[in-house]
N, C-alpha and C. Protein backbone atom coordinates (compact mmCIF):
# COMPACT_ATOMS: atom_id res chain seq x y z
N UNK A 1 -19.62 24.58 -28.33
CA UNK A 1 -18.67 23.51 -28.41
C UNK A 1 -18.53 23.11 -29.88
N UNK A 2 -17.32 23.01 -30.32
CA UNK A 2 -17.08 22.69 -31.73
C UNK A 2 -17.20 21.18 -31.93
N UNK A 3 -17.24 20.80 -33.18
CA UNK A 3 -17.37 19.39 -33.55
C UNK A 3 -16.17 18.58 -33.06
N UNK A 4 -14.99 19.13 -33.16
CA UNK A 4 -13.79 18.39 -32.73
C UNK A 4 -13.81 18.19 -31.21
N UNK A 5 -14.28 19.20 -30.46
CA UNK A 5 -14.37 19.05 -29.00
C UNK A 5 -15.39 17.98 -28.64
N UNK A 6 -16.49 17.96 -29.36
CA UNK A 6 -17.51 16.95 -29.12
C UNK A 6 -16.97 15.55 -29.40
N UNK A 7 -16.25 15.40 -30.49
CA UNK A 7 -15.67 14.11 -30.86
C UNK A 7 -14.70 13.65 -29.77
N UNK A 8 -13.81 14.57 -29.32
CA UNK A 8 -12.85 14.21 -28.28
C UNK A 8 -13.54 13.89 -26.95
N UNK A 9 -14.61 14.60 -26.65
CA UNK A 9 -15.36 14.33 -25.42
C UNK A 9 -15.99 12.94 -25.47
N UNK A 10 -16.60 12.61 -26.60
CA UNK A 10 -17.23 11.30 -26.77
C UNK A 10 -16.17 10.21 -26.71
N UNK A 11 -15.05 10.43 -27.39
CA UNK A 11 -13.95 9.45 -27.35
C UNK A 11 -13.42 9.30 -25.92
N UNK A 12 -13.31 10.38 -25.19
CA UNK A 12 -12.85 10.33 -23.79
C UNK A 12 -13.79 9.51 -22.92
N UNK A 13 -15.09 9.76 -23.07
CA UNK A 13 -16.08 8.98 -22.31
C UNK A 13 -16.01 7.50 -22.72
N UNK A 14 -15.85 7.24 -24.00
CA UNK A 14 -15.74 5.85 -24.48
C UNK A 14 -14.53 5.16 -23.87
N UNK A 15 -13.40 5.86 -23.84
CA UNK A 15 -12.19 5.29 -23.26
C UNK A 15 -12.37 5.05 -21.76
N UNK A 16 -13.03 5.98 -21.08
CA UNK A 16 -13.28 5.82 -19.65
C UNK A 16 -14.16 4.61 -19.38
N UNK A 17 -15.21 4.45 -20.17
CA UNK A 17 -16.10 3.29 -20.00
C UNK A 17 -15.35 2.00 -20.29
N UNK A 18 -14.54 2.00 -21.33
CA UNK A 18 -13.76 0.82 -21.67
C UNK A 18 -12.81 0.45 -20.53
N UNK A 19 -12.15 1.42 -19.92
CA UNK A 19 -11.24 1.17 -18.79
C UNK A 19 -12.01 0.64 -17.58
N UNK A 20 -13.19 1.20 -17.34
CA UNK A 20 -14.00 0.72 -16.21
C UNK A 20 -14.39 -0.75 -16.40
N UNK A 21 -14.74 -1.12 -17.61
CA UNK A 21 -15.09 -2.52 -17.87
C UNK A 21 -13.87 -3.42 -17.69
N UNK A 22 -12.73 -2.98 -18.15
CA UNK A 22 -11.50 -3.77 -17.97
C UNK A 22 -11.19 -3.93 -16.49
N UNK A 23 -11.35 -2.86 -15.72
CA UNK A 23 -11.09 -2.90 -14.28
C UNK A 23 -12.07 -3.86 -13.59
N UNK A 24 -13.33 -3.79 -13.98
CA UNK A 24 -14.34 -4.69 -13.39
C UNK A 24 -14.02 -6.14 -13.72
N UNK A 25 -13.62 -6.38 -14.95
CA UNK A 25 -13.26 -7.73 -15.37
C UNK A 25 -12.04 -8.23 -14.60
N UNK A 26 -11.06 -7.37 -14.42
CA UNK A 26 -9.86 -7.75 -13.66
C UNK A 26 -10.21 -8.03 -12.21
N UNK A 27 -11.13 -7.26 -11.65
CA UNK A 27 -11.56 -7.49 -10.26
C UNK A 27 -12.24 -8.84 -10.13
N UNK A 28 -13.10 -9.18 -11.08
CA UNK A 28 -13.77 -10.48 -11.05
C UNK A 28 -12.76 -11.61 -11.20
N UNK A 29 -11.80 -11.44 -12.09
CA UNK A 29 -10.77 -12.46 -12.28
C UNK A 29 -9.96 -12.64 -11.00
N UNK A 30 -9.64 -11.53 -10.34
CA UNK A 30 -8.89 -11.59 -9.08
C UNK A 30 -9.70 -12.29 -8.01
N UNK A 31 -10.98 -11.96 -7.91
CA UNK A 31 -11.87 -12.59 -6.93
C UNK A 31 -11.93 -14.10 -7.17
N UNK A 32 -12.06 -14.50 -8.42
CA UNK A 32 -12.11 -15.93 -8.76
C UNK A 32 -10.78 -16.61 -8.42
N UNK A 33 -9.68 -15.94 -8.69
CA UNK A 33 -8.37 -16.51 -8.37
C UNK A 33 -8.19 -16.68 -6.87
N UNK A 34 -8.63 -15.71 -6.09
CA UNK A 34 -8.52 -15.80 -4.62
C UNK A 34 -9.39 -16.95 -4.11
N UNK A 35 -10.60 -17.08 -4.64
CA UNK A 35 -11.48 -18.17 -4.22
C UNK A 35 -10.86 -19.52 -4.55
N UNK A 36 -10.28 -19.63 -5.73
CA UNK A 36 -9.60 -20.86 -6.13
C UNK A 36 -8.41 -21.17 -5.22
N UNK A 37 -7.68 -20.13 -4.85
CA UNK A 37 -6.54 -20.31 -3.95
C UNK A 37 -7.00 -20.76 -2.57
N UNK A 38 -8.10 -20.20 -2.09
CA UNK A 38 -8.64 -20.61 -0.79
C UNK A 38 -9.02 -22.08 -0.80
N UNK A 39 -9.66 -22.53 -1.86
CA UNK A 39 -10.04 -23.94 -1.97
C UNK A 39 -8.79 -24.82 -2.01
N UNK A 40 -7.80 -24.39 -2.75
CA UNK A 40 -6.56 -25.18 -2.86
C UNK A 40 -5.83 -25.25 -1.52
N UNK A 41 -5.76 -24.13 -0.80
CA UNK A 41 -5.11 -24.14 0.51
C UNK A 41 -5.86 -25.02 1.50
N UNK A 42 -7.18 -24.93 1.49
CA UNK A 42 -7.97 -25.78 2.38
C UNK A 42 -7.81 -27.25 1.98
N UNK A 43 -7.74 -27.53 0.69
CA UNK A 43 -7.50 -28.90 0.23
C UNK A 43 -6.19 -29.42 0.78
N UNK A 44 -5.16 -28.59 0.72
CA UNK A 44 -3.86 -29.00 1.26
C UNK A 44 -3.94 -29.23 2.77
N UNK A 45 -4.65 -28.36 3.47
CA UNK A 45 -4.83 -28.54 4.92
C UNK A 45 -5.56 -29.85 5.21
N UNK A 46 -6.57 -30.15 4.41
CA UNK A 46 -7.31 -31.40 4.59
C UNK A 46 -6.43 -32.62 4.30
N UNK A 47 -5.57 -32.51 3.31
CA UNK A 47 -4.68 -33.62 2.99
C UNK A 47 -3.73 -33.93 4.15
N UNK A 48 -3.45 -32.93 4.97
CA UNK A 48 -2.63 -33.15 6.16
C UNK A 48 -3.50 -33.66 7.32
N UNK A 49 -4.70 -33.11 7.48
CA UNK A 49 -5.54 -33.42 8.64
C UNK A 49 -6.25 -34.77 8.53
N UNK A 50 -6.69 -35.15 7.35
CA UNK A 50 -7.47 -36.38 7.21
C UNK A 50 -6.70 -37.63 7.67
N UNK A 51 -5.43 -37.79 7.32
CA UNK A 51 -4.71 -38.98 7.82
C UNK A 51 -4.57 -39.00 9.35
N UNK A 52 -4.65 -37.83 9.98
CA UNK A 52 -4.57 -37.79 11.44
C UNK A 52 -5.75 -38.52 12.07
N UNK A 53 -6.91 -38.49 11.42
CA UNK A 53 -8.05 -39.24 11.94
C UNK A 53 -7.72 -40.72 12.06
N UNK A 54 -7.05 -41.25 11.04
CA UNK A 54 -6.70 -42.67 11.06
C UNK A 54 -5.65 -42.96 12.12
N UNK A 55 -4.72 -42.04 12.30
CA UNK A 55 -3.72 -42.21 13.35
C UNK A 55 -4.39 -42.24 14.72
N UNK A 56 -5.33 -41.34 14.94
CA UNK A 56 -6.04 -41.30 16.22
C UNK A 56 -6.92 -42.54 16.39
N UNK A 57 -7.52 -43.01 15.30
CA UNK A 57 -8.31 -44.24 15.36
C UNK A 57 -7.42 -45.40 15.81
N UNK A 58 -6.22 -45.48 15.24
CA UNK A 58 -5.28 -46.55 15.63
C UNK A 58 -4.92 -46.45 17.11
N UNK A 59 -4.68 -45.23 17.58
CA UNK A 59 -4.33 -45.03 18.99
C UNK A 59 -5.49 -45.41 19.91
N UNK A 60 -6.70 -45.11 19.48
CA UNK A 60 -7.89 -45.47 20.26
C UNK A 60 -8.01 -46.99 20.33
N UNK A 61 -7.81 -47.66 19.20
CA UNK A 61 -7.87 -49.13 19.17
C UNK A 61 -6.80 -49.74 20.08
N UNK A 62 -5.59 -49.19 20.03
CA UNK A 62 -4.50 -49.69 20.88
C UNK A 62 -4.84 -49.52 22.35
N UNK A 63 -5.39 -48.38 22.70
CA UNK A 63 -5.77 -48.13 24.10
C UNK A 63 -6.87 -49.10 24.54
N UNK A 64 -7.81 -49.39 23.67
CA UNK A 64 -8.89 -50.32 24.01
C UNK A 64 -8.33 -51.72 24.21
N UNK A 65 -7.49 -52.16 23.28
CA UNK A 65 -6.90 -53.50 23.39
C UNK A 65 -6.02 -53.64 24.63
N UNK A 66 -5.36 -52.53 25.00
CA UNK A 66 -4.53 -52.55 26.19
C UNK A 66 -5.30 -52.26 27.47
N UNK A 67 -6.61 -52.06 27.35
CA UNK A 67 -7.48 -51.75 28.49
C UNK A 67 -6.97 -50.54 29.27
N UNK A 68 -6.47 -49.56 28.54
CA UNK A 68 -5.89 -48.35 29.14
C UNK A 68 -6.89 -47.19 28.99
N UNK A 69 -7.71 -47.01 30.00
CA UNK A 69 -8.77 -45.99 29.91
C UNK A 69 -8.21 -44.57 29.87
N UNK A 70 -7.11 -44.32 30.59
CA UNK A 70 -6.52 -42.97 30.57
C UNK A 70 -6.03 -42.61 29.17
N UNK A 71 -5.35 -43.55 28.53
CA UNK A 71 -4.87 -43.32 27.15
C UNK A 71 -6.06 -43.17 26.20
N UNK A 72 -7.08 -43.99 26.41
CA UNK A 72 -8.26 -43.91 25.56
C UNK A 72 -8.92 -42.55 25.69
N UNK A 73 -9.10 -42.06 26.90
CA UNK A 73 -9.71 -40.73 27.09
C UNK A 73 -8.89 -39.65 26.40
N UNK A 74 -7.57 -39.72 26.54
CA UNK A 74 -6.69 -38.72 25.93
C UNK A 74 -6.84 -38.72 24.41
N UNK A 75 -6.86 -39.91 23.83
CA UNK A 75 -6.96 -39.99 22.36
C UNK A 75 -8.36 -39.68 21.85
N UNK A 76 -9.36 -39.90 22.66
CA UNK A 76 -10.71 -39.48 22.27
C UNK A 76 -10.79 -37.96 22.19
N UNK A 77 -10.16 -37.29 23.15
CA UNK A 77 -10.14 -35.81 23.12
C UNK A 77 -9.41 -35.32 21.88
N UNK A 78 -8.28 -35.91 21.58
CA UNK A 78 -7.49 -35.51 20.40
C UNK A 78 -8.31 -35.79 19.13
N UNK A 79 -8.97 -36.94 19.09
CA UNK A 79 -9.80 -37.28 17.94
C UNK A 79 -10.92 -36.25 17.76
N UNK A 80 -11.57 -35.90 18.86
CA UNK A 80 -12.66 -34.93 18.78
C UNK A 80 -12.18 -33.57 18.27
N UNK A 81 -11.02 -33.14 18.70
CA UNK A 81 -10.47 -31.86 18.22
C UNK A 81 -10.18 -31.92 16.73
N UNK A 82 -9.56 -33.00 16.30
CA UNK A 82 -9.23 -33.15 14.88
C UNK A 82 -10.50 -33.23 14.03
N UNK A 83 -11.47 -34.00 14.49
CA UNK A 83 -12.74 -34.13 13.75
C UNK A 83 -13.44 -32.78 13.64
N UNK A 84 -13.42 -32.01 14.72
CA UNK A 84 -14.04 -30.68 14.70
C UNK A 84 -13.33 -29.76 13.72
N UNK A 85 -12.02 -29.81 13.71
CA UNK A 85 -11.23 -28.98 12.78
C UNK A 85 -11.56 -29.34 11.33
N UNK A 86 -11.61 -30.62 11.04
CA UNK A 86 -11.91 -31.07 9.68
C UNK A 86 -13.33 -30.68 9.29
N UNK A 87 -14.26 -30.86 10.20
CA UNK A 87 -15.65 -30.49 9.92
C UNK A 87 -15.75 -29.00 9.59
N UNK A 88 -15.02 -28.17 10.33
CA UNK A 88 -15.04 -26.72 10.07
C UNK A 88 -14.45 -26.40 8.70
N UNK A 89 -13.38 -27.09 8.33
CA UNK A 89 -12.78 -26.87 7.01
C UNK A 89 -13.76 -27.23 5.90
N UNK A 90 -14.45 -28.35 6.07
CA UNK A 90 -15.40 -28.80 5.05
C UNK A 90 -16.59 -27.87 4.96
N UNK A 91 -17.06 -27.41 6.10
CA UNK A 91 -18.25 -26.57 6.17
C UNK A 91 -18.06 -25.24 5.43
N UNK A 92 -16.84 -24.73 5.42
CA UNK A 92 -16.59 -23.43 4.83
C UNK A 92 -16.49 -23.41 3.32
N UNK A 93 -16.46 -24.58 2.67
CA UNK A 93 -16.25 -24.62 1.23
C UNK A 93 -17.20 -25.61 0.57
N UNK A 94 -18.08 -25.09 -0.28
CA UNK A 94 -19.00 -25.95 -1.01
C UNK A 94 -18.27 -26.94 -1.89
N UNK A 95 -17.17 -26.51 -2.51
CA UNK A 95 -16.42 -27.37 -3.42
C UNK A 95 -15.83 -28.58 -2.70
N UNK A 96 -15.56 -28.44 -1.41
CA UNK A 96 -14.91 -29.50 -0.66
C UNK A 96 -15.85 -30.27 0.23
N UNK A 97 -17.05 -29.75 0.45
CA UNK A 97 -17.94 -30.39 1.41
C UNK A 97 -18.31 -31.79 0.94
N UNK A 98 -18.00 -32.75 1.77
CA UNK A 98 -18.25 -34.16 1.47
C UNK A 98 -19.32 -34.64 2.45
N UNK A 99 -20.54 -34.79 1.96
CA UNK A 99 -21.67 -35.09 2.85
C UNK A 99 -21.49 -36.39 3.63
N UNK A 100 -21.05 -37.50 2.99
CA UNK A 100 -20.86 -38.72 3.79
C UNK A 100 -19.86 -38.53 4.93
N UNK A 101 -18.76 -37.83 4.64
CA UNK A 101 -17.77 -37.61 5.69
C UNK A 101 -18.32 -36.69 6.77
N UNK A 102 -19.03 -35.66 6.40
CA UNK A 102 -19.61 -34.76 7.40
C UNK A 102 -20.56 -35.52 8.32
N UNK A 103 -21.39 -36.38 7.74
CA UNK A 103 -22.32 -37.16 8.56
C UNK A 103 -21.59 -38.16 9.45
N UNK A 104 -20.63 -38.86 8.89
CA UNK A 104 -19.93 -39.87 9.70
C UNK A 104 -19.05 -39.21 10.77
N UNK A 105 -18.48 -38.04 10.47
CA UNK A 105 -17.72 -37.32 11.50
C UNK A 105 -18.63 -36.88 12.63
N UNK A 106 -19.82 -36.42 12.29
CA UNK A 106 -20.77 -36.00 13.33
C UNK A 106 -21.17 -37.19 14.19
N UNK A 107 -21.45 -38.34 13.57
CA UNK A 107 -21.84 -39.53 14.33
C UNK A 107 -20.68 -40.04 15.18
N UNK A 108 -19.47 -40.04 14.60
CA UNK A 108 -18.30 -40.51 15.34
C UNK A 108 -17.99 -39.58 16.51
N UNK A 109 -18.11 -38.29 16.28
CA UNK A 109 -17.84 -37.33 17.36
C UNK A 109 -18.84 -37.49 18.50
N UNK A 110 -20.09 -37.67 18.15
CA UNK A 110 -21.13 -37.85 19.17
C UNK A 110 -20.86 -39.13 19.98
N UNK A 111 -20.52 -40.21 19.29
CA UNK A 111 -20.25 -41.47 19.97
C UNK A 111 -18.98 -41.36 20.83
N UNK A 112 -17.97 -40.68 20.31
CA UNK A 112 -16.72 -40.50 21.07
C UNK A 112 -16.97 -39.65 22.32
N UNK A 113 -17.77 -38.62 22.19
CA UNK A 113 -18.10 -37.79 23.36
C UNK A 113 -18.85 -38.61 24.40
N UNK A 114 -19.78 -39.42 23.95
CA UNK A 114 -20.55 -40.25 24.87
C UNK A 114 -19.62 -41.25 25.58
N UNK A 115 -18.73 -41.87 24.81
CA UNK A 115 -17.79 -42.82 25.39
C UNK A 115 -16.89 -42.15 26.41
N UNK A 116 -16.37 -40.98 26.06
CA UNK A 116 -15.50 -40.26 26.99
C UNK A 116 -16.25 -39.89 28.26
N UNK A 117 -17.47 -39.45 28.11
CA UNK A 117 -18.29 -39.10 29.26
C UNK A 117 -18.53 -40.32 30.16
N UNK A 118 -18.83 -41.46 29.53
CA UNK A 118 -19.06 -42.69 30.30
C UNK A 118 -17.78 -43.17 30.98
N UNK A 119 -16.64 -43.01 30.30
CA UNK A 119 -15.36 -43.40 30.90
C UNK A 119 -15.03 -42.55 32.12
N UNK A 120 -15.41 -41.28 32.05
CA UNK A 120 -15.10 -40.35 33.14
C UNK A 120 -15.83 -40.73 34.44
N UNK A 121 -16.90 -41.51 34.31
CA UNK A 121 -17.64 -41.94 35.50
C UNK A 121 -16.84 -42.94 36.33
N UNK A 122 -15.87 -43.61 35.69
CA UNK A 122 -14.95 -44.47 36.42
C UNK A 122 -15.49 -45.83 36.81
N UNK A 123 -16.63 -46.24 36.35
CA UNK A 123 -17.16 -47.56 36.69
C UNK A 123 -16.35 -48.65 36.00
N UNK A 124 -16.14 -49.80 36.64
CA UNK A 124 -15.42 -50.89 35.98
C UNK A 124 -16.21 -51.41 34.78
N UNK A 125 -15.53 -51.61 33.67
CA UNK A 125 -16.20 -52.00 32.43
C UNK A 125 -15.34 -52.96 31.62
N UNK A 126 -16.00 -53.65 30.70
CA UNK A 126 -15.30 -54.44 29.69
C UNK A 126 -15.08 -53.49 28.51
N UNK A 127 -13.88 -52.93 28.43
CA UNK A 127 -13.61 -51.84 27.50
C UNK A 127 -13.93 -52.17 26.03
N UNK A 128 -13.48 -53.33 25.50
CA UNK A 128 -13.77 -53.59 24.07
C UNK A 128 -15.27 -53.59 23.74
N UNK A 129 -16.09 -54.22 24.56
CA UNK A 129 -17.52 -54.24 24.24
C UNK A 129 -18.17 -52.90 24.56
N UNK A 130 -17.69 -52.23 25.58
CA UNK A 130 -18.22 -50.94 25.97
C UNK A 130 -17.98 -49.89 24.89
N UNK A 131 -16.84 -49.99 24.21
CA UNK A 131 -16.44 -48.99 23.22
C UNK A 131 -16.80 -49.38 21.79
N UNK A 132 -17.47 -50.50 21.61
CA UNK A 132 -17.70 -51.01 20.25
C UNK A 132 -18.51 -50.07 19.36
N UNK A 133 -19.52 -49.42 19.90
CA UNK A 133 -20.34 -48.50 19.08
C UNK A 133 -19.48 -47.32 18.62
N UNK A 134 -18.75 -46.74 19.54
CA UNK A 134 -17.91 -45.58 19.18
C UNK A 134 -16.84 -45.97 18.17
N UNK A 135 -16.19 -47.11 18.39
CA UNK A 135 -15.11 -47.50 17.46
C UNK A 135 -15.66 -47.80 16.07
N UNK A 136 -16.86 -48.37 15.99
CA UNK A 136 -17.45 -48.62 14.67
C UNK A 136 -17.72 -47.31 13.94
N UNK A 137 -18.21 -46.31 14.64
CA UNK A 137 -18.50 -45.01 14.01
C UNK A 137 -17.20 -44.28 13.66
N UNK A 138 -16.21 -44.39 14.52
CA UNK A 138 -14.91 -43.78 14.23
C UNK A 138 -14.29 -44.44 13.01
N UNK A 139 -14.42 -45.76 12.91
CA UNK A 139 -13.88 -46.47 11.75
C UNK A 139 -14.58 -46.03 10.46
N UNK A 140 -15.89 -45.85 10.52
CA UNK A 140 -16.62 -45.40 9.33
C UNK A 140 -16.17 -44.00 8.91
N UNK A 141 -15.95 -43.13 9.87
CA UNK A 141 -15.45 -41.79 9.55
C UNK A 141 -14.08 -41.87 8.90
N UNK A 142 -13.24 -42.79 9.36
CA UNK A 142 -11.91 -42.94 8.77
C UNK A 142 -11.99 -43.44 7.33
N UNK A 143 -12.92 -44.35 7.08
CA UNK A 143 -13.12 -44.85 5.71
C UNK A 143 -13.58 -43.71 4.81
N UNK A 144 -14.54 -42.92 5.28
CA UNK A 144 -15.02 -41.78 4.49
C UNK A 144 -13.92 -40.74 4.29
N UNK A 145 -13.08 -40.56 5.31
CA UNK A 145 -11.96 -39.61 5.20
C UNK A 145 -10.97 -40.08 4.14
N UNK A 146 -10.76 -41.38 4.05
CA UNK A 146 -9.86 -41.91 3.02
C UNK A 146 -10.40 -41.64 1.63
N UNK A 147 -11.72 -41.74 1.48
CA UNK A 147 -12.33 -41.45 0.18
C UNK A 147 -12.14 -40.00 -0.22
N UNK A 148 -12.36 -39.09 0.72
CA UNK A 148 -12.16 -37.66 0.41
C UNK A 148 -10.69 -37.38 0.13
N UNK A 149 -9.81 -38.00 0.90
CA UNK A 149 -8.38 -37.79 0.69
C UNK A 149 -7.97 -38.19 -0.73
N UNK A 150 -8.49 -39.32 -1.20
CA UNK A 150 -8.18 -39.77 -2.57
C UNK A 150 -8.70 -38.77 -3.61
N UNK A 151 -9.91 -38.26 -3.40
CA UNK A 151 -10.46 -37.25 -4.32
C UNK A 151 -9.60 -36.00 -4.34
N UNK A 152 -9.19 -35.56 -3.15
CA UNK A 152 -8.39 -34.33 -3.07
C UNK A 152 -7.02 -34.52 -3.71
N UNK A 153 -6.43 -35.70 -3.53
CA UNK A 153 -5.13 -35.96 -4.15
C UNK A 153 -5.23 -35.91 -5.67
N UNK A 154 -6.31 -36.46 -6.20
CA UNK A 154 -6.51 -36.40 -7.67
C UNK A 154 -6.69 -34.95 -8.11
N UNK A 155 -7.47 -34.19 -7.35
CA UNK A 155 -7.77 -32.81 -7.71
C UNK A 155 -6.51 -31.95 -7.65
N UNK A 156 -5.71 -32.13 -6.60
CA UNK A 156 -4.51 -31.31 -6.42
C UNK A 156 -3.45 -31.65 -7.47
N UNK A 157 -3.39 -32.94 -7.87
CA UNK A 157 -2.35 -33.33 -8.82
C UNK A 157 -2.68 -32.94 -10.26
N UNK A 158 -3.94 -32.52 -10.51
CA UNK A 158 -4.28 -32.13 -11.88
C UNK A 158 -4.18 -30.65 -12.08
């Protein structure tokens, strides 16, 4: 092998290594961009879902004040579904996981399930006092949801 062939071979290997590093760097950049996009999309989903908790809380309060157990049961089920969806969204992303909201959603969901189960028994009850524990926990989850919503709005707008 002549000197010129050796030089071209070394230059060829150098160019190949340089291209591989550029490709690896581009792959990492793409992976980071996709992860950032996933967080942003989940943030947008949360910005839509979090206010629904407050809407369901209002509906639950209205049903309690109206002593309407059928409406209350229906809105407890809807609340539980929404809370579960939000909890799943938070669980999947470290950047978005809000520990106070996760804890209060878990407590509110447990209390709502217990209330719904007790309502299904059909015994005559004083609905406002019977539901007070669940409504207090649901209200706390709504307060925590408002805090996360404000954080997400600041993050998305920047």
